Each structure stands twice: as structure tokens, then as C-alpha cells.
Amino acid sequence: MYAQVMKQSPLDTAIAALREEPGFSGTAETPSGRHIVLWESESTARRPNLQFGGRLLNIYRASGRPA
């Protein structure tokens, strides 16, 4: 299991899109309030945003954040 820190609190739409990504295992919140995404493999956790599927990539683009 590998974790990736989210810079912002995830929206419900982002979590729904993450569920469609290969290797996604879940999300969690740390005691300090940071959100993390759990992945099955290190390579999946480290992949660039541009390699995510269409639905999640569209959420990134709509938010104005660079992919």
C-alpha cells in the first residue's frame, strides 16, 4: 500500500473519479487533517497527473490547477 498526499480536501466528484482509476485503494484523513490517497503500487502513486484517466483529469483542468 502506498500513500499520496492531497494538497486540498478532495471533492466528492474527485473521489468518485479516483474510484475509476486502476490501482486506487481508498482515501483517508490523517489526525492532523491532511487527506491522503491510497494506491496498490508505488508506480501508481508516483505517476504524473497527465496519466490519470479522463474523468479525474477533467476535474483537475476544471479547477484551474495544472495537470
Protein backbone atom coordinates (compact mmCIF):
# COMPACT_ATOMS: atom_id res chain seq x y z
CA MET A 1 0.00 0.00 0.00
CA TYR A 2 1.33 3.45 -0.96
CA ALA A 3 0.03 6.87 0.05
CA GLN A 4 -0.10 10.16 -1.84
CA VAL A 5 -0.86 13.44 -0.04
CA MET A 6 -3.61 15.62 -1.49
CA LYS A 7 -2.90 19.35 -1.41
CA GLN A 8 -6.57 20.23 -0.97
CA SER A 9 -9.52 18.47 0.60
CA PRO A 10 -11.00 16.17 -2.02
CA LEU A 11 -14.36 16.95 -3.54
CA ASP A 12 -16.93 14.17 -3.82
CA THR A 13 -16.53 14.32 -7.61
CA ALA A 14 -12.77 13.81 -7.29
CA ILE A 15 -13.22 10.82 -5.01
CA ALA A 16 -15.76 9.30 -7.43
CA ALA A 17 -13.27 9.81 -10.29
CA LEU A 18 -10.45 8.28 -8.25
CA ARG A 19 -12.53 5.13 -7.77
CA GLU A 20 -12.33 4.61 -11.54
CA GLU A 21 -8.52 4.76 -11.57
CA PRO A 22 -6.60 1.48 -11.75
CA GLY A 23 -4.80 0.71 -8.51
CA PHE A 24 -6.94 3.01 -6.32
CA SER A 25 -7.46 1.60 -2.82
CA GLY A 26 -9.18 4.43 -0.93
CA THR A 27 -8.77 7.76 0.80
CA ALA A 28 -8.01 8.60 4.41
CA GLU A 29 -7.60 11.61 6.66
CA THR A 30 -4.63 11.86 8.99
CA PRO A 31 -5.01 13.02 12.62
CA SER A 32 -3.66 16.42 11.51
CA GLY A 33 -6.45 16.76 8.94
CA ARG A 34 -4.44 16.08 5.77
CA HIS A 35 -6.06 13.91 3.14
CA ILE A 36 -4.21 11.04 1.50
CA VAL A 37 -4.99 8.73 -1.40
CA LEU A 38 -4.05 5.07 -1.02
CA TRP A 39 -2.71 3.15 -4.03
CA GLU A 40 -1.85 -0.52 -4.53
CA SER A 41 1.61 0.12 -6.03
CA GLU A 42 4.40 2.67 -5.81
CA SER A 43 4.39 3.27 -9.57
CA THR A 44 0.69 4.15 -9.46
CA ALA A 45 1.19 6.51 -6.52
CA ARG A 46 4.05 8.31 -8.29
CA ARG A 47 2.52 8.72 -11.75
CA PRO A 48 2.06 12.25 -13.10
CA ASN A 49 -1.43 13.76 -13.20
CA LEU A 50 -1.44 13.62 -17.00
CA GLN A 51 -1.53 9.82 -16.82
CA PHE A 52 -4.81 9.77 -14.90
CA GLY A 53 -7.98 8.80 -16.70
CA GLY A 54 -10.30 11.26 -18.41
CA ARG A 55 -12.77 11.93 -15.61
CA LEU A 56 -10.14 12.81 -12.99
CA LEU A 57 -8.05 14.78 -15.48
CA ASN A 58 -11.15 16.82 -16.41
CA ILE A 59 -11.69 17.65 -12.72
CA TYR A 60 -8.09 18.90 -12.46
CA ARG A 61 -8.48 21.04 -15.57
CA ALA A 62 -11.84 22.48 -14.46
CA SER A 63 -10.34 23.52 -11.12
CA GLY A 64 -7.70 25.63 -12.86
CA ARG A 65 -4.87 23.56 -11.42
CA PRO A 66 -2.16 22.45 -13.83
CA ALA A 67 -2.37 18.76 -14.62
